[in-house]
Amino acid sequence: MPIGIQRLNAPRPQPSSRIIFIKPLPGSTSAYALDFLERIAAICHPIMTHSHLSIMTLEEHEPNPEFIGRNFNAGEIIQLVLKAPYTGHWLSFRSVQM
């Protein structure tokens, strides 16, 4: 976890100690989106540990045609688009993790 931050009463263990919060969009597909984001966090953990990087929140962003992810305040919030903008179908895991 980032220096000076400790998460108490977490509902379940996080896949990466370098990411404090993982938040999917609310709705019927939030469980699938949460699994998607947790897998991405687990893949990024070794890279983040080696580079001494930490982020506060990894979030799902609603589908849009303009971007597939964005970063606020030097990694404080990372938002990823997990669904295609016009169809609403889930993007492949490989395309999101790139």
PDB file of N, CA and C in Angstrom:
ATOM      1  N   MET A   1       0.835  -1.180   0.000  1.00  0.00           N
ATOM      2  CA  MET A   1       0.000   0.000   0.000  1.00  0.00           C
ATOM      3  C   MET A   1       0.881   1.244   0.000  1.00  0.00           C
ATOM      4  N   PRO A   2       0.344   2.314  -0.529  1.00  0.00           N
ATOM      5  CA  PRO A   2       1.115   3.558  -0.495  1.00  0.00           C
ATOM      6  C   PRO A   2       1.457   3.955   0.939  1.00  0.00           C
ATOM      7  N   ILE A   3       2.522   4.687   1.085  1.00  0.00           N
ATOM      8  CA  ILE A   3       2.979   5.105   2.404  1.00  0.00           C
ATOM      9  C   ILE A   3       1.891   5.924   3.090  1.00  0.00           C
ATOM     10  N   GLY A   4       1.604   5.604   4.343  1.00  0.00           N
ATOM     11  CA  GLY A   4       0.644   6.354   5.124  1.00  0.00           C
ATOM     12  C   GLY A   4      -0.804   5.944   4.934  1.00  0.00           C
ATOM     13  N   ILE A   5      -1.067   4.916   4.119  1.00  0.00           N
ATOM     14  CA  ILE A   5      -2.444   4.480   3.885  1.00  0.00           C
ATOM     15  C   ILE A   5      -2.582   3.029   4.292  1.00  0.00           C
ATOM     16  N   GLN A   6      -3.575   2.756   5.103  1.00  0.00           N
ATOM     17  CA  GLN A   6      -3.857   1.398   5.532  1.00  0.00           C
ATOM     18  C   GLN A   6      -5.362   1.179   5.422  1.00  0.00           C
ATOM     19  N   ARG A   7      -5.764   0.138   4.732  1.00  0.00           N
ATOM     20  CA  ARG A   7      -7.185  -0.135   4.562  1.00  0.00           C
ATOM     21  C   ARG A   7      -7.642  -1.108   5.637  1.00  0.00           C
ATOM     22  N   LEU A   8      -8.631  -0.695   6.413  1.00  0.00           N
ATOM     23  CA  LEU A   8      -9.184  -1.531   7.465  1.00  0.00           C
ATOM     24  C   LEU A   8     -10.544  -2.067   7.024  1.00  0.00           C
ATOM     25  N   ASN A   9     -10.885  -3.233   7.508  1.00  0.00           N
ATOM     26  CA  ASN A   9     -12.193  -3.838   7.244  1.00  0.00           C
ATOM     27  C   ASN A   9     -12.476  -4.035   5.762  1.00  0.00           C
ATOM     28  N   ALA A  10     -11.499  -4.469   5.019  1.00  0.00           N
ATOM     29  CA  ALA A  10     -11.715  -4.762   3.602  1.00  0.00           C
ATOM     30  C   ALA A  10     -12.638  -5.981   3.499  1.00  0.00           C
ATOM     31  N   PRO A  11     -13.616  -5.951   2.586  1.00  0.00           N
ATOM     32  CA  PRO A  11     -14.549  -7.073   2.487  1.00  0.00           C
ATOM     33  C   PRO A  11     -13.887  -8.386   2.086  1.00  0.00           C
ATOM     34  N   ARG A  12     -12.788  -8.303   1.348  1.00  0.00           N
ATOM     35  CA  ARG A  12     -12.022  -9.491   0.964  1.00  0.00           C
ATOM     36  C   ARG A  12     -10.619  -9.048   0.591  1.00  0.00           C
ATOM     37  N   PRO A  13      -9.675  -9.964   0.542  1.00  0.00           N
ATOM     38  CA  PRO A  13      -8.294  -9.557   0.235  1.00  0.00           C
ATOM     39  C   PRO A  13      -8.156  -9.009  -1.186  1.00  0.00           C
ATOM     40  N   GLN A  14      -7.329  -8.005  -1.317  1.00  0.00           N
ATOM     41  CA  GLN A  14      -7.081  -7.392  -2.616  1.00  0.00           C
ATOM     42  C   GLN A  14      -6.062  -8.220  -3.394  1.00  0.00           C
ATOM     43  N   PRO A  15      -6.151  -8.263  -4.728  1.00  0.00           N
ATOM     44  CA  PRO A  15      -5.177  -9.011  -5.523  1.00  0.00           C
ATOM     45  C   PRO A  15      -3.813  -8.335  -5.591  1.00  0.00           C
ATOM     46  N   SER A  16      -3.743  -7.056  -5.232  1.00  0.00           N
ATOM     47  CA  SER A  16      -2.487  -6.320  -5.248  1.00  0.00           C
ATOM     48  C   SER A  16      -2.433  -5.394  -4.044  1.00  0.00           C
ATOM     49  N   SER A  17      -1.344  -5.442  -3.329  1.00  0.00           N
ATOM     50  CA  SER A  17      -1.178  -4.539  -2.184  1.00  0.00           C
ATOM     51  C   SER A  17      -0.862  -3.118  -2.631  1.00  0.00           C
ATOM     52  N   ARG A  18      -0.627  -2.917  -3.906  1.00  0.00           N
ATOM     53  CA  ARG A  18      -0.295  -1.600  -4.451  1.00  0.00           C
ATOM     54  C   ARG A  18      -1.527  -0.823  -4.914  1.00  0.00           C
ATOM     55  N   ILE A  19      -2.701  -1.445  -4.893  1.00  0.00           N
ATOM     56  CA  ILE A  19      -3.943  -0.797  -5.303  1.00  0.00           C
ATOM     57  C   ILE A  19      -4.894  -0.835  -4.117  1.00  0.00           C
ATOM     58  N   ILE A  20      -5.369   0.322  -3.669  1.00  0.00           N
ATOM     59  CA  ILE A  20      -6.196   0.399  -2.470  1.00  0.00           C
ATOM     60  C   ILE A  20      -7.640   0.004  -2.756  1.00  0.00           C
ATOM     61  N   PHE A  21      -8.262   0.637  -3.742  1.00  0.00           N
ATOM     62  CA  PHE A  21      -9.667   0.388  -4.051  1.00  0.00           C
ATOM     63  C   PHE A  21      -9.826  -0.084  -5.485  1.00  0.00           C
ATOM     64  N   ILE A  22     -10.723  -1.038  -5.692  1.00  0.00           N
ATOM     65  CA  ILE A  22     -11.091  -1.496  -7.026  1.00  0.00           C
ATOM     66  C   ILE A  22     -12.598  -1.354  -7.121  1.00  0.00           C
ATOM     67  N   LYS A  23     -13.053  -0.498  -8.074  1.00  0.00           N
ATOM     68  CA  LYS A  23     -14.478  -0.179  -8.133  1.00  0.00           C
ATOM     69  C   LYS A  23     -15.047  -0.383  -9.532  1.00  0.00           C
ATOM     70  N   PRO A  24     -15.943  -1.355  -9.703  1.00  0.00           N
ATOM     71  CA  PRO A  24     -16.668  -1.472 -10.969  1.00  0.00           C
ATOM     72  C   PRO A  24     -17.857  -0.516 -10.979  1.00  0.00           C
ATOM     73  N   LEU A  25     -18.430  -0.315 -12.148  1.00  0.00           N
ATOM     74  CA  LEU A  25     -19.649   0.474 -12.235  1.00  0.00           C
ATOM     75  C   LEU A  25     -20.795  -0.306 -11.594  1.00  0.00           C
ATOM     76  N   PRO A  26     -21.715   0.364 -10.917  1.00  0.00           N
ATOM     77  CA  PRO A  26     -22.846  -0.360 -10.331  1.00  0.00           C
ATOM     78  C   PRO A  26     -23.775  -0.885 -11.427  1.00  0.00           C
ATOM     79  N   GLY A  27     -24.384  -2.017 -11.165  1.00  0.00           N
ATOM     80  CA  GLY A  27     -25.313  -2.595 -12.130  1.00  0.00           C
ATOM     81  C   GLY A  27     -25.263  -4.106 -12.102  1.00  0.00           C
ATOM     82  N   SER A  28     -25.929  -4.697 -13.057  1.00  0.00           N
ATOM     83  CA  SER A  28     -26.049  -6.154 -13.078  1.00  0.00           C
ATOM     84  C   SER A  28     -24.744  -6.859 -13.442  1.00  0.00           C
ATOM     85  N   THR A  29     -23.821  -6.163 -14.084  1.00  0.00           N
ATOM     86  CA  THR A  29     -22.564  -6.790 -14.497  1.00  0.00           C
ATOM     87  C   THR A  29     -21.393  -6.411 -13.593  1.00  0.00           C
ATOM     88  N   SER A  30     -21.669  -5.854 -12.430  1.00  0.00           N
ATOM     89  CA  SER A  30     -20.581  -5.380 -11.572  1.00  0.00           C
ATOM     90  C   SER A  30     -19.701  -6.524 -11.050  1.00  0.00           C
ATOM     91  N   ALA A  31     -20.269  -7.712 -10.834  1.00  0.00           N
ATOM     92  CA  ALA A  31     -19.459  -8.841 -10.353  1.00  0.00           C
ATOM     93  C   ALA A  31     -18.441  -9.264 -11.415  1.00  0.00           C
ATOM     94  N   TYR A  32     -18.874  -9.304 -12.668  1.00  0.00           N
ATOM     95  CA  TYR A  32     -17.963  -9.665 -13.753  1.00  0.00           C
ATOM     96  C   TYR A  32     -16.893  -8.584 -13.930  1.00  0.00           C
ATOM     97  N   ALA A  33     -17.302  -7.315 -13.852  1.00  0.00           N
ATOM     98  CA  ALA A  33     -16.344  -6.213 -13.987  1.00  0.00           C
ATOM     99  C   ALA A  33     -15.336  -6.214 -12.842  1.00  0.00           C
ATOM    100  N   LEU A  34     -15.796  -6.528 -11.643  1.00  0.00           N
ATOM    101  CA  LEU A  34     -14.887  -6.605 -10.495  1.00  0.00           C
ATOM    102  C   LEU A  34     -13.849  -7.703 -10.703  1.00  0.00           C
ATOM    103  N   ASP A  35     -14.280  -8.851 -11.199  1.00  0.00           N
ATOM    104  CA  ASP A  35     -13.342  -9.940 -11.499  1.00  0.00           C
ATOM    105  C   ASP A  35     -12.341  -9.506 -12.565  1.00  0.00           C
ATOM    106  N   PHE A  36     -12.821  -8.825 -13.582  1.00  0.00           N
ATOM    107  CA  PHE A  36     -11.973  -8.317 -14.663  1.00  0.00           C
ATOM    108  C   PHE A  36     -10.902  -7.382 -14.109  1.00  0.00           C
ATOM    109  N   LEU A  37     -11.319  -6.423 -13.287  1.00  0.00           N
ATOM    110  CA  LEU A  37     -10.378  -5.455 -12.715  1.00  0.00           C
ATOM    111  C   LEU A  37      -9.404  -6.109 -11.741  1.00  0.00           C
ATOM    112  N   GLU A  38      -9.862  -7.085 -10.984  1.00  0.00           N
ATOM    113  CA  GLU A  38      -8.960  -7.785 -10.059  1.00  0.00           C
ATOM    114  C   GLU A  38      -7.905  -8.589 -10.801  1.00  0.00           C
ATOM    115  N   ARG A  39      -8.279  -9.192 -11.916  1.00  0.00           N
ATOM    116  CA  ARG A  39      -7.277  -9.914 -12.717  1.00  0.00           C
ATOM    117  C   ARG A  39      -6.246  -8.959 -13.287  1.00  0.00           C
ATOM    118  N   ILE A  40      -6.671  -7.790 -13.730  1.00  0.00           N
ATOM    119  CA  ILE A  40      -5.728  -6.788 -14.232  1.00  0.00           C
ATOM    120  C   ILE A  40      -4.803  -6.322 -13.108  1.00  0.00           C
ATOM    121  N   ALA A  41      -5.353  -6.111 -11.920  1.00  0.00           N
ATOM    122  CA  ALA A  41      -4.540  -5.689 -10.771  1.00  0.00           C
ATOM    123  C   ALA A  41      -3.500  -6.755 -10.426  1.00  0.00           C
ATOM    124  N   ALA A  42      -3.881  -8.018 -10.492  1.00  0.00           N
ATOM    125  CA  ALA A  42      -2.947  -9.100 -10.176  1.00  0.00           C
ATOM    126  C   ALA A  42      -1.818  -9.176 -11.199  1.00  0.00           C
ATOM    127  N   ILE A  43      -2.132  -8.940 -12.458  1.00  0.00           N
ATOM    128  CA  ILE A  43      -1.104  -8.962 -13.503  1.00  0.00           C
ATOM    129  C   ILE A  43      -0.139  -7.790 -13.331  1.00  0.00           C
ATOM    130  N   CYS A  44      -0.648  -6.640 -12.940  1.00  0.00           N
ATOM    131  CA  CYS A  44       0.189  -5.438 -12.798  1.00  0.00           C
ATOM    132  C   CYS A  44       1.001  -5.413 -11.512  1.00  0.00           C
ATOM    133  N   HIS A  45       0.663  -6.247 -10.549  1.00  0.00           N
ATOM    134  CA  HIS A  45       1.325  -6.202  -9.239  1.00  0.00           C
ATOM    135  C   HIS A  45       2.849  -6.332  -9.308  1.00  0.00           C
ATOM    136  N   PRO A  46       3.423  -7.323 -10.020  1.00  0.00           N
ATOM    137  CA  PRO A  46       4.898  -7.414 -10.059  1.00  0.00           C
ATOM    138  C   PRO A  46       5.558  -6.189 -10.678  1.00  0.00           C
ATOM    139  N   ILE A  47       4.932  -5.623 -11.696  1.00  0.00           N
ATOM    140  CA  ILE A  47       5.490  -4.436 -12.346  1.00  0.00           C
ATOM    141  C   ILE A  47       5.446  -3.254 -11.387  1.00  0.00           C
ATOM    142  N   MET A  48       4.329  -3.102 -10.704  1.00  0.00           N
ATOM    143  CA  MET A  48       4.176  -1.989  -9.772  1.00  0.00           C
ATOM    144  C   MET A  48       5.130  -2.122  -8.581  1.00  0.00           C
ATOM    145  N   THR A  49       5.334  -3.331  -8.102  1.00  0.00           N
ATOM    146  CA  THR A  49       6.252  -3.557  -6.983  1.00  0.00           C
ATOM    147  C   THR A  49       7.691  -3.246  -7.394  1.00  0.00           C
ATOM    148  N   HIS A  50       8.081  -3.739  -8.570  1.00  0.00           N
ATOM    149  CA  HIS A  50       9.442  -3.511  -9.056  1.00  0.00           C
ATOM    150  C   HIS A  50       9.721  -2.019  -9.275  1.00  0.00           C
ATOM    151  N   SER A  51       8.719  -1.299  -9.762  1.00  0.00           N
ATOM    152  CA  SER A  51       8.892   0.121 -10.077  1.00  0.00           C
ATOM    153  C   SER A  51       8.493   1.045  -8.926  1.00  0.00           C
ATOM    154  N   HIS A  52       8.073   0.473  -7.794  1.00  0.00           N
ATOM    155  CA  HIS A  52       7.640   1.239  -6.618  1.00  0.00           C
ATOM    156  C   HIS A  52       6.478   2.182  -6.962  1.00  0.00           C
ATOM    157  N   LEU A  53       5.502   1.663  -7.708  1.00  0.00           N
ATOM    158  CA  LEU A  53       4.321   2.432  -8.081  1.00  0.00           C
ATOM    159  C   LEU A  53       3.137   1.999  -7.235  1.00  0.00           C
ATOM    160  N   SER A  54       2.260   2.922  -6.927  1.00  0.00           N
ATOM    161  CA  SER A  54       1.029   2.631  -6.200  1.00  0.00           C
ATOM    162  C   SER A  54      -0.071   3.518  -6.759  1.00  0.00           C
ATOM    163  N   ILE A  55      -1.296   3.001  -6.732  1.00  0.00           N
ATOM    164  CA  ILE A  55      -2.437   3.822  -7.131  1.00  0.00           C
ATOM    165  C   ILE A  55      -3.518   3.694  -6.065  1.00  0.00           C
ATOM    166  N   MET A  56      -4.307   4.719  -5.970  1.00  0.00           N
ATOM    167  CA  MET A  56      -5.369   4.725  -4.969  1.00  0.00           C
ATOM    168  C   MET A  56      -6.567   3.913  -5.447  1.00  0.00           C
ATOM    169  N   THR A  57      -7.040   4.149  -6.683  1.00  0.00           N
ATOM    170  CA  THR A  57      -8.268   3.526  -7.152  1.00  0.00           C
ATOM    171  C   THR A  57      -8.133   3.053  -8.591  1.00  0.00           C
ATOM    172  N   LEU A  58      -8.545   1.825  -8.838  1.00  0.00           N
ATOM    173  CA  LEU A  58      -8.679   1.271 -10.178  1.00  0.00           C
ATOM    174  C   LEU A  58     -10.170   1.129 -10.423  1.00  0.00           C
ATOM    175  N   GLU A  59     -10.692   1.835 -11.433  1.00  0.00           N
ATOM    176  CA  GLU A  59     -12.135   1.890 -11.671  1.00  0.00           C
ATOM    177  C   GLU A  59     -12.489   1.483 -13.089  1.00  0.00           C
ATOM    178  N   GLU A  60     -13.738   1.037 -13.235  1.00  0.00           N
ATOM    179  CA  GLU A  60     -14.315   0.838 -14.560  1.00  0.00           C
ATOM    180  C   GLU A  60     -14.925   2.167 -15.003  1.00  0.00           C
ATOM    181  N   HIS A  61     -14.772   2.501 -16.278  1.00  0.00           N
ATOM    182  CA  HIS A  61     -15.393   3.699 -16.844  1.00  0.00           C
ATOM    183  C   HIS A  61     -16.434   3.259 -17.860  1.00  0.00           C
ATOM    184  N   GLU A  62     -17.486   4.041 -18.005  1.00  0.00           N
ATOM    185  CA  GLU A  62     -18.534   3.655 -18.960  1.00  0.00           C
ATOM    186  C   GLU A  62     -17.981   3.671 -20.384  1.00  0.00           C
ATOM    187  N   PRO A  63     -18.558   2.846 -21.261  1.00  0.00           N
ATOM    188  CA  PRO A  63     -18.073   2.769 -22.645  1.00  0.00           C
ATOM    189  C   PRO A  63     -18.180   4.106 -23.366  1.00  0.00           C
ATOM    190  N   ASN A  64     -17.147   4.432 -24.129  1.00  0.00           N
ATOM    191  CA  ASN A  64     -17.155   5.636 -24.955  1.00  0.00           C
ATOM    192  C   ASN A  64     -16.189   5.449 -26.109  1.00  0.00           C
ATOM    193  N   PRO A  65     -16.401   6.178 -27.219  1.00  0.00           N
ATOM    194  CA  PRO A  65     -15.536   5.998 -28.399  1.00  0.00           C
ATOM    195  C   PRO A  65     -14.247   6.822 -28.365  1.00  0.00           C
ATOM    196  N   GLU A  66     -14.039   7.622 -27.330  1.00  0.00           N
ATOM    197  CA  GLU A  66     -12.908   8.541 -27.323  1.00  0.00           C
ATOM    198  C   GLU A  66     -11.637   7.981 -26.704  1.00  0.00           C
ATOM    199  N   PHE A  67     -11.740   7.152 -25.682  1.00  0.00           N
ATOM    200  CA  PHE A  67     -10.541   6.630 -25.028  1.00  0.00           C
ATOM    201  C   PHE A  67     -10.851   5.273 -24.416  1.00  0.00           C
ATOM    202  N   ILE A  68      -9.791   4.516 -24.095  1.00  0.00           N
ATOM    203  CA  ILE A  68      -9.978   3.209 -23.461  1.00  0.00           C
ATOM    204  C   ILE A  68      -9.496   3.212 -22.013  1.00  0.00           C
ATOM    205  N   GLY A  69      -8.915   4.306 -21.595  1.00  0.00           N
ATOM    206  CA  GLY A  69      -8.486   4.429 -20.210  1.00  0.00           C
ATOM    207  C   GLY A  69      -7.971   5.832 -19.955  1.00  0.00           C
ATOM    208  N   ARG A  70      -7.991   6.223 -18.688  1.00  0.00           N
ATOM    209  CA  ARG A  70      -7.439   7.528 -18.349  1.00  0.00           C
ATOM    210  C   ARG A  70      -6.879   7.511 -16.937  1.00  0.00           C
ATOM    211  N   ASN A  71      -5.991   8.462 -16.692  1.00  0.00           N
ATOM    212  CA  ASN A  71      -5.232   8.532 -15.461  1.00  0.00           C
ATOM    213  C   ASN A  71      -5.425   9.930 -14.865  1.00  0.00           C
ATOM    214  N   PHE A  72      -5.840   9.979 -13.618  1.00  0.00           N
ATOM    215  CA  PHE A  72      -6.021  11.269 -12.950  1.00  0.00           C
ATOM    216  C   PHE A  72      -4.982  11.436 -11.849  1.00  0.00           C
ATOM    217  N   ASN A  73      -4.401  12.615 -11.786  1.00  0.00           N
ATOM    218  CA  ASN A  73      -3.547  13.012 -10.671  1.00  0.00           C
ATOM    219  C   ASN A  73      -2.375  12.049 -10.452  1.00  0.00           C
ATOM    220  N   ALA A  74      -1.665  11.743 -11.510  1.00  0.00           N
ATOM    221  CA  ALA A  74      -0.466  10.905 -11.456  1.00  0.00           C
ATOM    222  C   ALA A  74      -0.715   9.548 -10.809  1.00  0.00           C
ATOM    223  N   GLY A  75      -1.794   8.895 -11.196  1.00  0.00           N
ATOM    224  CA  GLY A  75      -2.067   7.549 -10.710  1.00  0.00           C
ATOM    225  C   GLY A  75      -2.974   7.463  -9.516  1.00  0.00           C
ATOM    226  N   GLU A  76      -3.521   8.560  -9.077  1.00  0.00           N
ATOM    227  CA  GLU A  76      -4.445   8.482  -7.950  1.00  0.00           C
ATOM    228  C   GLU A  76      -5.696   7.698  -8.341  1.00  0.00           C
ATOM    229  N   ILE A  77      -6.184   7.925  -9.551  1.00  0.00           N
ATOM    230  CA  ILE A  77      -7.325   7.174 -10.077  1.00  0.00           C
ATOM    231  C   ILE A  77      -6.995   6.737 -11.497  1.00  0.00           C
ATOM    232  N   ILE A  78      -7.126   5.450 -11.769  1.00  0.00           N
ATOM    233  CA  ILE A  78      -6.985   4.893 -13.106  1.00  0.00           C
ATOM    234  C   ILE A  78      -8.353   4.361 -13.503  1.00  0.00           C
ATOM    235  N   GLN A  79      -8.870   4.821 -14.629  1.00  0.00           N
ATOM    236  CA  GLN A  79     -10.166   4.354 -15.115  1.00  0.00           C
ATOM    237  C   GLN A  79      -9.960   3.604 -16.422  1.00  0.00           C
ATOM    238  N   LEU A  80     -10.536   2.407 -16.522  1.00  0.00           N
ATOM    239  CA  LEU A  80     -10.433   1.582 -17.718  1.00  0.00           C
ATOM    240  C   LEU A  80     -11.818   1.329 -18.296  1.00  0.00           C
ATOM    241  N   VAL A  81     -11.913   1.370 -19.617  1.00  0.00           N
ATOM    242  CA  VAL A  81     -13.153   1.024 -20.303  1.00  0.00           C
ATOM    243  C   VAL A  81     -13.112  -0.474 -20.570  1.00  0.00           C
ATOM    244  N   LEU A  82     -14.123  -1.201 -20.102  1.00  0.00           N
ATOM    245  CA  LEU A  82     -14.156  -2.655 -20.237  1.00  0.00           C
ATOM    246  C   LEU A  82     -15.138  -3.140 -21.290  1.00  0.00           C
ATOM    247  N   LYS A  83     -16.005  -2.242 -21.793  1.00  0.00           N
ATOM    248  CA  LYS A  83     -17.015  -2.631 -22.779  1.00  0.00           C
ATOM    249  C   LYS A  83     -16.862  -1.793 -24.042  1.00  0.00           C
ATOM    250  N   ALA A  84     -17.272  -2.388 -25.169  1.00  0.00           N
ATOM    251  CA  ALA A  84     -17.232  -1.683 -26.454  1.00  0.00           C
ATOM    252  C   ALA A  84     -18.246  -0.542 -26.447  1.00  0.00           C
ATOM    253  N   PRO A  85     -17.906   0.600 -27.064  1.00  0.00           N
ATOM    254  CA  PRO A  85     -18.770   1.770 -26.952  1.00  0.00           C
ATOM    255  C   PRO A  85     -20.143   1.647 -27.604  1.00  0.00           C
ATOM    256  N   TYR A  86     -20.259   1.021 -28.743  1.00  0.00           N
ATOM    257  CA  TYR A  86     -21.540   1.016 -29.454  1.00  0.00           C
ATOM    258  C   TYR A  86     -22.348  -0.251 -29.216  1.00  0.00           C
ATOM    259  N   THR A  87     -21.670  -1.361 -28.999  1.00  0.00           N
ATOM    260  CA  THR A  87     -22.390  -2.621 -28.822  1.00  0.00           C
ATOM    261  C   THR A  87     -22.641  -2.963 -27.365  1.00  0.00           C
ATOM    262  N   GLY A  88     -21.789  -2.502 -26.476  1.00  0.00           N
ATOM    263  CA  GLY A  88     -21.925  -2.836 -25.064  1.00  0.00           C
ATOM    264  C   GLY A  88     -21.364  -4.196 -24.718  1.00  0.00           C
ATOM    265  N   HIS A  89     -20.755  -4.885 -25.688  1.00  0.00           N
ATOM    266  CA  HIS A  89     -20.138  -6.185 -25.432  1.00  0.00           C
ATOM    267  C   HIS A  89     -18.827  -5.985 -24.682  1.00  0.00           C
ATOM    268  N   TRP A  90     -18.453  -6.972 -23.905  1.00  0.00           N
ATOM    269  CA  TRP A  90     -17.201  -6.902 -23.160  1.00  0.00           C
ATOM    270  C   TRP A  90     -16.024  -6.953 -24.121  1.00  0.00           C
ATOM    271  N   LEU A  91     -15.027  -6.118 -23.877  1.00  0.00           N
ATOM    272  CA  LEU A  91     -13.787  -6.177 -24.645  1.00  0.00           C
ATOM    273  C   LEU A  91     -13.012  -7.413 -24.197  1.00  0.00           C
ATOM    274  N   SER A  92     -12.142  -7.896 -25.056  1.00  0.00           N
ATOM    275  CA  SER A  92     -11.339  -9.058 -24.683  1.00  0.00           C
ATOM    276  C   SER A  92     -10.360  -8.654 -23.579  1.00  0.00           C
ATOM    277  N   PHE A  93     -10.036  -9.614 -22.733  1.00  0.00           N
ATOM    278  CA  PHE A  93      -9.122  -9.339 -21.625  1.00  0.00           C
ATOM    279  C   PHE A  93      -7.771  -8.877 -22.156  1.00  0.00           C
ATOM    280  N   ARG A  94      -7.325  -9.477 -23.221  1.00  0.00           N
ATOM    281  CA  ARG A  94      -6.030  -9.124 -23.791  1.00  0.00           C
ATOM    282  C   ARG A  94      -6.004  -7.662 -24.263  1.00  0.00           C
ATOM    283  N   SER A  95      -7.077  -7.197 -24.866  1.00  0.00           N
ATOM    284  CA  SER A  95      -7.080  -5.806 -25.355  1.00  0.00           C
ATOM    285  C   SER A  95      -7.131  -4.811 -24.198  1.00  0.00           C
ATOM    286  N   VAL A  96      -7.760  -5.150 -23.096  1.00  0.00           N
ATOM    287  CA  VAL A  96      -7.814  -4.242 -21.953  1.00  0.00           C
ATOM    288  C   VAL A  96      -6.478  -4.213 -21.219  1.00  0.00           C
ATOM    289  N   GLN A  97      -5.826  -5.352 -21.077  1.00  0.00           N
ATOM    290  CA  GLN A  97      -4.570  -5.378 -20.324  1.00  0.00           C
ATOM    291  C   GLN A  97      -3.434  -4.728 -21.087  1.00  0.00           C
ATOM    292  N   MET A  98      -3.562  -4.555 -22.378  1.00  0.00           N
ATOM    293  CA  MET A  98      -2.507  -3.881 -23.143  1.00  0.00           C
ATOM    294  C   MET A  98      -2.528  -2.421 -22.792  1.00  0.00           C
TER     295      MET A  98
END
